[in-house]
Amino acid sequence: MATVLSVSGSPSASSRTSRLLRHLDERLSAQGHDVIPLDVRAIPAEALLGADFRHPAIVEATDLFARADGVVVGTPVYKASYSGVLKALLDLLPQYALTGKTVLPLATGGSIAHVLAIDYALRPVLTSMGAAHIVQGWFTLDKDITVHDDGFLSVAPAATEALAQVVDQFSAALDRTPLLAVAG
């Protein structure tokens, strides 16, 4: 199966976005994919903000993108766009770091007013980076994600169903990608 890089663009250690991504990683793993989590907040700020392309953490992140067949990109929505920490990382990757890759964009936020942030803010950047196929993304409201005291994550039923559908579409697209490459 495919290697999937699951990128959390949240700057928060207690992030609903990161928790949701790790939850979805389990579904992808159960489908046979090798999932590699990457929390951008773990990359040293001086490397991101100083544009230190040679910093070991930036080199490692670049290598992870290169090795991946597919990339899940999750971000909280701030001021109607994706997070600054995610932008900082994307800016340091090679221009065509997503060439040939299938990408699933996901976002979380407090208001449905930001539901289009995936399409008008994130998708154009992913396209400009050469993504071969960007599947339908999904915006999940913060109120639909609950992290319980014991660490258990629960997602509202309607959001669970929608997320399962987009993750399954992403997984199916990953499974088809090698066939398209051979046929072409």
Protein backbone atom coordinates (compact mmCIF):
# COMPACT_ATOMS: atom_id res chain seq x y z
CA MET A 1 0.00 0.00 0.00
CA ALA A 2 0.92 3.66 -0.02
CA THR A 3 3.05 5.75 2.31
CA VAL A 4 1.01 8.65 3.69
CA LEU A 5 2.48 11.72 5.35
CA SER A 6 -0.07 13.15 7.79
CA VAL A 7 0.83 16.79 8.43
CA SER A 8 -0.67 18.77 11.29
CA GLY A 9 -0.31 22.50 10.76
CA SER A 10 -1.50 23.41 14.23
CA PRO A 11 0.78 25.43 16.50
CA SER A 12 -1.02 24.15 19.62
CA ALA A 13 0.12 21.17 21.68
CA SER A 14 -3.49 20.49 22.70
CA SER A 15 -4.79 20.86 19.18
CA ARG A 16 -8.11 19.39 18.07
CA THR A 17 -6.70 19.43 14.54
CA SER A 18 -3.73 17.22 15.49
CA ARG A 19 -5.93 14.90 17.54
CA LEU A 20 -8.36 14.56 14.63
CA LEU A 21 -5.53 13.81 12.20
CA ARG A 22 -4.06 11.12 14.45
CA HIS A 23 -7.58 9.63 14.71
CA LEU A 24 -7.87 9.57 10.91
CA ASP A 25 -4.35 8.13 10.65
CA GLU A 26 -5.70 5.04 12.41
CA ARG A 27 -8.32 4.59 9.68
CA LEU A 28 -5.68 4.89 6.96
CA SER A 29 -3.40 2.44 8.78
CA ALA A 30 -6.29 -0.03 9.11
CA GLN A 31 -6.68 0.22 5.33
CA GLY A 32 -3.09 -0.94 4.95
CA HIS A 33 -1.28 2.35 4.42
CA ASP A 34 1.99 3.23 6.14
CA VAL A 35 1.18 6.51 7.90
CA ILE A 36 3.89 8.90 9.08
CA PRO A 37 2.70 11.72 11.35
CA LEU A 38 4.36 15.13 11.17
CA ASP A 39 3.44 17.87 13.62
CA VAL A 40 4.85 21.09 12.18
CA ARG A 41 4.93 22.64 15.67
CA ALA A 42 7.69 20.13 16.54
CA ILE A 43 10.02 21.73 14.00
CA PRO A 44 12.18 24.34 15.74
CA ALA A 45 10.80 27.85 15.28
CA GLU A 46 14.25 29.24 14.44
CA ALA A 47 14.48 26.81 11.50
CA LEU A 48 11.01 27.69 10.21
CA LEU A 49 11.11 31.44 10.75
CA GLY A 50 14.77 31.79 9.79
CA ALA A 51 14.21 29.83 6.55
CA ASP A 52 17.08 27.52 7.44
CA PHE A 53 16.83 25.05 4.55
CA ARG A 54 19.83 23.11 5.90
CA HIS A 55 18.46 22.64 9.42
CA PRO A 56 18.18 18.88 10.10
CA ALA A 57 14.45 19.17 10.93
CA ILE A 58 13.74 20.95 7.63
CA VAL A 59 15.84 18.43 5.70
CA GLU A 60 13.95 15.59 7.42
CA ALA A 61 10.55 17.15 6.68
CA THR A 62 11.55 17.63 3.03
CA ASP A 63 12.62 13.97 2.85
CA LEU A 64 9.29 12.86 4.37
CA PHE A 65 7.38 14.75 1.69
CA ALA A 66 9.61 13.23 -1.01
CA ARG A 67 9.02 9.67 0.26
CA ALA A 68 5.25 9.99 0.59
CA ASP A 69 2.82 8.74 -2.02
CA GLY A 70 0.05 10.80 -0.46
CA VAL A 71 -0.19 13.69 1.97
CA VAL A 72 -2.94 14.59 4.41
CA VAL A 73 -2.68 18.28 5.33
CA GLY A 74 -4.65 19.41 8.35
CA THR A 75 -4.86 22.95 9.67
CA PRO A 76 -6.90 25.02 12.02
CA VAL A 77 -8.38 28.05 10.30
CA TYR A 78 -7.12 31.38 11.62
CA LYS A 79 -8.28 34.67 10.13
CA ALA A 80 -9.95 32.82 7.23
CA SER A 81 -6.81 30.96 6.16
CA TYR A 82 -4.52 28.09 7.07
CA SER A 83 -2.09 28.45 9.96
CA GLY A 84 1.10 30.47 9.77
CA VAL A 85 3.21 27.58 11.00
CA LEU A 86 1.93 25.44 8.10
CA LYS A 87 2.69 28.29 5.67
CA ALA A 88 6.21 28.58 7.08
CA LEU A 89 6.83 24.88 6.35
CA LEU A 90 5.25 24.92 2.90
CA ASP A 91 7.39 27.94 2.01
CA LEU A 92 10.56 25.97 2.83
CA LEU A 93 9.70 22.91 0.76
CA PRO A 94 10.84 22.64 -2.86
CA GLN A 95 8.44 24.36 -5.28
CA TYR A 96 7.13 21.04 -6.61
CA ALA A 97 7.29 18.99 -3.42
CA LEU A 98 3.84 17.53 -4.09
CA THR A 99 4.45 16.47 -7.69
CA GLY A 100 2.80 13.14 -8.37
CA LYS A 101 1.17 12.99 -4.95
CA THR A 102 -2.44 12.61 -3.91
CA VAL A 103 -3.42 15.16 -1.26
CA LEU A 104 -6.28 15.34 1.24
CA PRO A 105 -6.79 18.85 2.70
CA LEU A 106 -8.58 19.07 6.06
CA ALA A 107 -9.40 22.05 8.25
CA THR A 108 -10.94 22.73 11.63
CA GLY A 109 -12.44 25.92 12.92
CA GLY A 110 -14.95 27.55 15.17
CA SER A 111 -17.38 28.87 12.57
CA ILE A 112 -18.95 27.71 9.33
CA ALA A 113 -17.97 31.14 8.00
CA HIS A 114 -14.55 29.57 7.32
CA VAL A 115 -15.74 26.46 5.55
CA LEU A 116 -14.37 27.61 2.18
CA ALA A 117 -10.86 28.24 3.53
CA ILE A 118 -9.75 24.90 2.12
CA ASP A 119 -10.78 25.86 -1.40
CA TYR A 120 -9.72 29.50 -1.54
CA ALA A 121 -6.63 29.46 0.70
CA LEU A 122 -5.12 25.96 0.96
CA ARG A 123 -6.01 24.24 -2.32
CA PRO A 124 -4.28 26.86 -4.55
CA VAL A 125 -1.01 26.44 -2.64
CA LEU A 126 -1.20 22.65 -2.86
CA THR A 127 -1.91 22.90 -6.58
CA SER A 128 1.02 25.27 -7.12
CA MET A 129 3.25 22.70 -5.42
CA GLY A 130 2.41 20.16 -8.12
CA ALA A 131 -0.11 17.88 -6.39
CA ALA A 132 -1.24 15.28 -8.92
CA HIS A 133 -4.69 14.91 -7.37
CA ILE A 134 -6.29 16.88 -4.56
CA VAL A 135 -9.30 14.96 -3.33
CA GLN A 136 -12.34 16.60 -1.77
CA GLY A 137 -11.33 18.11 1.54
CA TRP A 138 -13.39 18.55 4.67
CA PHE A 139 -13.91 21.30 7.25
CA THR A 140 -14.83 20.13 10.75
CA LEU A 141 -16.28 22.47 13.33
CA ASP A 142 -14.42 22.60 16.64
CA LYS A 143 -17.70 21.89 18.47
CA ASP A 144 -17.89 18.53 16.67
CA ILE A 145 -14.53 17.39 18.11
CA THR A 146 -14.36 16.47 21.80
CA VAL A 147 -11.25 15.42 23.64
CA HIS A 148 -12.28 13.71 26.88
CA ASP A 149 -10.33 13.80 30.16
CA ASP A 150 -8.96 10.31 29.47
CA GLY A 151 -7.60 11.47 26.08
CA PHE A 152 -10.31 9.69 24.09
CA LEU A 153 -11.41 11.62 21.02
CA SER A 154 -15.01 11.65 19.91
CA VAL A 155 -16.36 13.24 16.77
CA ALA A 156 -20.00 14.12 16.18
CA PRO A 157 -21.80 11.46 14.10
CA ALA A 158 -22.41 13.63 11.01
CA ALA A 159 -18.77 14.77 10.98
CA THR A 160 -17.59 11.18 11.54
CA GLU A 161 -19.53 10.02 8.51
CA ALA A 162 -18.26 12.85 6.30
CA LEU A 163 -14.65 12.38 7.42
CA ALA A 164 -14.84 8.63 6.82
CA GLN A 165 -16.06 9.30 3.31
CA VAL A 166 -13.28 11.76 2.39
CA VAL A 167 -10.60 9.55 3.98
CA ASP A 168 -11.91 6.54 2.06
CA GLN A 169 -11.92 8.56 -1.19
CA PHE A 170 -8.32 9.59 -0.49
CA SER A 171 -7.37 5.96 0.21
CA ALA A 172 -9.04 4.79 -3.01
CA ALA A 173 -7.23 7.51 -4.98
CA LEU A 174 -3.93 6.35 -3.49
CA ASP A 175 -4.70 2.81 -4.55
CA ARG A 176 -5.41 3.96 -8.13
CA THR A 177 -2.36 6.21 -8.51
CA PRO A 178 0.14 3.41 -9.30
CA LEU A 179 -2.27 1.96 -11.85
CA LEU A 180 -2.54 5.31 -13.60
CA ALA A 181 1.24 5.68 -13.64
CA VAL A 182 1.69 2.23 -15.21
CA ALA A 183 -1.08 2.81 -17.75
CA GLY A 184 0.33 6.24 -18.77
